[in-house]
Amino acid sequence: MIFRLLDDVLLFPDTALAEPDGLLAIGGDLRVERLELAYQRGIFPWFSHGDPILWYAPHERCVIFPERIKVSKSMAKVIKDGVFEVTVNLDFENVIRNCAAVPREGQDGTWITNEMQSAYVKLHQKGLAHSIEVWQQGQLVGGLYGVKINKVFCGESMFSLVSNASKTALIYLCQNMGFELIDCQLPNEHLMSLGAEMISREAYLEILQGD
C-alpha cells in the first residue's frame, strides 16, 4: 500500500510498510521541516521531473562504514601528492548544480530537478545539508552533498569532471568528518567497489537514531 501525504500534515507512515522496491508514500512537499523529518525516519525523496514527489524507505540500505572504505594504492598516492584541494561547505550551490548537470550512464535527464535543488539549498542554509568540494587549479572539478542526521551522513549525489575527483570527496568524507556511517541509499557497482555494503533497514535505523 502506498500512502498519500497531505500538504498541511507533517507525518510519514511506518517505514516497515514500504513496498518491496522501497516506495512508501507519494505527495506532500519539499519544505525544510518535512525533509528533516523524512531523513530522521530513514526516508528520502526520489522522483523525476513532472512526476509527483515519491518517498522511499528501502528494506535494505547501501552504506559505507567509514573505517572500511577501500582506498586503492593509486588513490592513496593521489591524496598524498595533493593532486586536489578539498573544502567543506564552501560552494554548496555549485556542487548540487553540477550533480544535476553531469550526464550519467544509463540515465536520461536528472532527478535533481530545480525544485529539488532549491529545497536542498534551503536545507544547507539551515545547517542540515552539507557539501564537500574538490578543486584543481582553482576550478571546481568534483564534489558531493548530503544531509547530516546525528552521526550519519545521508549522501544524495556526487559528481566528477576529472578522474578521481568524486572518489577524493568520498574518501575525505569518510576519513575526516567524524561520521559513523555514510548512507548511499541505493547500491551501484562504483560504490560497492569502494567498500559499500548492504544492511537491513532495521540496522540502519538503529544507527541513524542512536545517541
Protein backbone atom coordinates (compact mmCIF):
# COMPACT_ATOMS: atom_id res chain seq x y z
CA MET A 1 0.00 0.00 0.00
CA ILE A 2 1.36 3.42 -1.00
CA PHE A 3 0.36 6.28 1.29
CA ARG A 4 -0.64 9.72 0.06
CA LEU A 5 0.75 12.61 2.08
CA LEU A 6 -1.21 15.77 2.79
CA ASP A 7 0.46 19.13 2.23
CA ASP A 8 -0.68 20.50 5.57
CA VAL A 9 0.21 17.48 7.73
CA LEU A 10 3.82 16.62 8.63
CA LEU A 11 3.54 12.88 9.03
CA PHE A 12 5.05 9.76 7.48
CA PRO A 13 3.82 6.16 7.75
CA ASP A 14 5.93 3.45 9.35
CA THR A 15 8.82 2.57 7.04
CA ALA A 16 8.09 -1.13 7.55
CA LEU A 17 5.05 -0.58 5.32
CA ALA A 18 7.14 0.36 2.26
CA GLU A 19 6.66 -1.55 -0.99
CA PRO A 20 9.27 -4.17 -2.00
CA ASP A 21 11.07 -1.53 -4.08
CA GLY A 22 11.12 0.83 -1.09
CA LEU A 23 8.35 3.18 -2.23
CA LEU A 24 6.50 4.34 0.87
CA ALA A 25 4.47 7.44 0.08
CA ILE A 26 3.51 9.95 -2.58
CA GLY A 27 2.78 13.67 -2.45
CA GLY A 28 3.41 16.29 0.17
CA ASP A 29 6.04 18.96 -0.38
CA LEU A 30 9.77 19.58 -0.03
CA ARG A 31 9.75 22.13 2.76
CA VAL A 32 12.65 22.01 5.20
CA GLU A 33 10.58 20.60 8.07
CA ARG A 34 9.26 17.69 6.01
CA LEU A 35 12.66 16.83 4.58
CA GLU A 36 14.26 16.88 8.01
CA LEU A 37 11.53 14.62 9.41
CA ALA A 38 11.90 12.26 6.46
CA TYR A 39 15.64 11.83 6.91
CA GLN A 40 15.21 11.33 10.65
CA ARG A 41 12.88 8.42 9.79
CA GLY A 42 15.17 6.91 7.15
CA ILE A 43 13.08 8.22 4.24
CA PHE A 44 14.22 10.20 1.20
CA PRO A 45 12.54 11.77 -1.86
CA TRP A 46 13.37 10.45 -5.32
CA PHE A 47 11.35 11.33 -8.39
CA SER A 48 11.71 12.59 -11.94
CA HIS A 49 10.73 15.93 -13.44
CA GLY A 50 6.99 16.13 -13.98
CA ASP A 51 6.21 13.31 -11.54
CA PRO A 52 4.65 13.71 -8.08
CA ILE A 53 7.03 13.61 -5.11
CA LEU A 54 7.85 9.99 -4.26
CA TRP A 55 9.24 9.00 -0.86
CA TYR A 56 11.39 5.88 -0.40
CA ALA A 57 12.49 3.78 2.56
CA PRO A 58 14.38 0.76 1.13
CA HIS A 59 14.19 -2.52 3.02
CA GLU A 60 17.94 -2.82 2.56
CA ARG A 61 20.29 0.14 2.65
CA CYS A 62 23.55 0.63 0.80
CA VAL A 63 26.05 2.12 3.27
CA ILE A 64 29.73 2.68 3.83
CA PHE A 65 31.26 2.31 7.27
CA PRO A 66 33.97 5.00 7.08
CA GLU A 67 36.70 2.80 8.54
CA ARG A 68 36.03 0.17 5.86
CA ILE A 69 36.28 2.37 2.77
CA LYS A 70 38.61 0.86 0.19
CA VAL A 71 41.41 3.19 -0.87
CA SER A 72 43.48 1.81 -3.73
CA LYS A 73 47.23 2.40 -3.92
CA SER A 74 46.72 4.80 -6.81
CA MET A 75 44.11 6.80 -4.88
CA ALA A 76 46.31 6.87 -1.80
CA LYS A 77 49.03 8.40 -3.98
CA VAL A 78 46.60 10.98 -5.42
CA ILE A 79 45.72 12.06 -1.89
CA LYS A 80 49.31 12.00 -0.63
CA ASP A 81 50.53 14.04 -3.60
CA GLY A 82 47.89 16.73 -3.02
CA VAL A 83 46.52 16.49 -6.56
CA PHE A 84 43.32 18.16 -5.34
CA GLU A 85 42.32 20.73 -2.75
CA VAL A 86 39.30 19.77 -0.67
CA THR A 87 36.91 22.16 1.09
CA VAL A 88 33.71 21.74 3.10
CA ASN A 89 30.55 23.82 2.63
CA LEU A 90 32.37 26.41 0.54
CA ASP A 91 30.18 26.20 -2.60
CA PHE A 92 27.12 24.06 -1.91
CA GLU A 93 25.03 25.54 -4.71
CA ASN A 94 27.66 24.83 -7.36
CA VAL A 95 28.05 21.27 -6.13
CA ILE A 96 24.35 20.46 -6.37
CA ARG A 97 24.13 22.24 -9.73
CA ASN A 98 26.95 20.11 -11.10
CA CYS A 99 25.44 16.93 -9.66
CA ALA A 100 22.28 17.75 -11.61
CA ALA A 101 24.06 18.71 -14.83
CA VAL A 102 26.71 16.00 -15.26
CA PRO A 103 25.45 13.24 -17.62
CA ARG A 104 25.23 9.77 -16.10
CA GLU A 105 25.46 6.49 -17.94
CA GLY A 106 22.05 4.90 -18.44
CA GLN A 107 20.14 7.96 -17.25
CA ASP A 108 18.09 10.31 -19.39
CA GLY A 109 17.95 13.62 -17.56
CA THR A 110 18.26 14.08 -13.79
CA TRP A 111 16.16 13.51 -10.69
CA ILE A 112 17.85 16.57 -9.14
CA THR A 113 15.21 18.93 -10.51
CA ASN A 114 15.17 22.69 -9.96
CA GLU A 115 12.63 22.04 -7.20
CA MET A 116 14.98 19.59 -5.50
CA GLN A 117 17.94 21.94 -5.85
CA SER A 118 16.00 24.78 -4.24
CA ALA A 119 14.86 22.53 -1.39
CA TYR A 120 18.36 21.29 -0.55
CA VAL A 121 19.86 24.77 -0.77
CA LYS A 122 17.35 25.75 1.91
CA LEU A 123 18.41 22.71 3.95
CA HIS A 124 22.01 23.86 3.60
CA GLN A 125 21.10 27.36 4.74
CA LYS A 126 19.55 25.80 7.85
CA GLY A 127 22.75 23.86 8.55
CA LEU A 128 21.25 20.47 7.71
CA ALA A 129 22.74 19.77 4.27
CA HIS A 130 26.47 19.84 3.60
CA SER A 131 28.83 19.70 0.66
CA ILE A 132 32.39 18.68 0.00
CA GLU A 133 34.14 20.42 -2.87
CA VAL A 134 37.16 19.17 -4.80
CA TRP A 135 39.27 21.76 -6.62
CA GLN A 136 42.09 21.61 -9.14
CA GLN A 137 43.97 24.76 -10.11
CA GLY A 138 41.18 26.87 -8.65
CA GLN A 139 38.41 25.11 -10.58
CA LEU A 140 35.63 23.02 -9.03
CA VAL A 141 36.13 19.56 -10.52
CA GLY A 142 34.20 17.29 -8.18
CA GLY A 143 32.20 17.02 -5.01
CA LEU A 144 29.25 15.57 -3.18
CA TYR A 145 26.38 16.70 -0.98
CA GLY A 146 24.02 15.19 1.55
CA VAL A 147 22.13 15.59 4.81
CA LYS A 148 23.57 15.15 8.31
CA ILE A 149 21.37 13.32 10.81
CA ASN A 150 23.06 12.65 14.14
CA LYS A 151 26.27 10.78 13.23
CA VAL A 152 25.07 9.62 9.81
CA PHE A 153 25.76 11.41 6.53
CA CYS A 154 22.89 10.73 4.14
CA GLY A 155 24.60 11.09 0.79
CA GLU A 156 22.49 12.40 -2.07
CA SER A 157 24.75 12.71 -5.10
CA MET A 158 28.31 13.30 -6.24
CA PHE A 159 29.95 14.41 -9.45
CA SER A 160 33.36 14.33 -11.10
CA LEU A 161 34.64 16.40 -14.01
CA VAL A 162 38.13 14.87 -13.88
CA SER A 163 39.31 11.40 -12.94
CA ASN A 164 39.34 10.60 -9.20
CA ALA A 165 37.68 13.84 -8.07
CA SER A 166 34.49 12.30 -6.65
CA LYS A 167 36.50 9.47 -5.07
CA THR A 168 38.62 12.11 -3.35
CA ALA A 169 35.47 13.75 -1.96
CA LEU A 170 34.11 10.46 -0.66
CA ILE A 171 37.40 9.40 0.92
CA TYR A 172 37.70 12.80 2.58
CA LEU A 173 34.15 12.44 3.91
CA CYS A 174 34.99 9.05 5.40
CA GLN A 175 38.37 9.95 6.85
CA ASN A 176 37.92 13.50 8.11
CA MET A 177 34.32 14.26 9.07
CA GLY A 178 33.73 12.00 12.08
CA PHE A 179 30.66 10.17 10.82
CA GLU A 180 29.77 6.66 11.98
CA LEU A 181 28.02 5.79 8.74
CA ILE A 182 27.71 7.06 5.19
CA ASP A 183 24.27 6.33 3.76
CA CYS A 184 24.47 5.73 0.00
CA GLN A 185 20.77 4.80 -0.21
CA LEU A 186 20.89 2.52 -3.28
CA PRO A 187 23.77 0.31 -4.48
CA ASN A 188 25.74 0.57 -7.68
CA GLU A 189 28.92 -1.08 -8.92
CA HIS A 190 31.06 2.02 -8.29
CA LEU A 191 30.00 2.31 -4.64
CA MET A 192 30.41 -1.40 -3.98
CA SER A 193 33.95 -1.25 -5.36
CA LEU A 194 34.74 1.42 -2.76
CA GLY A 195 33.62 -0.74 0.13
CA ALA A 196 29.88 -0.15 0.29
CA GLU A 197 27.75 -2.93 1.75
CA MET A 198 24.09 -3.71 2.30
CA ILE A 199 22.47 -3.64 5.74
CA SER A 200 18.85 -4.08 6.81
CA ARG A 201 16.53 -1.13 7.29
CA GLU A 202 16.32 -2.00 10.98
CA ALA A 203 20.11 -1.93 11.40
CA TYR A 204 20.28 1.36 9.51
CA LEU A 205 17.59 2.99 11.65
CA GLU A 206 19.31 1.83 14.84
CA ILE A 207 22.50 3.64 13.82
CA LEU A 208 20.62 6.65 12.43
CA GLN A 209 18.60 7.24 15.56
CA GLY A 210 21.30 6.28 18.07
CA ASP A 211 22.75 8.74 20.56
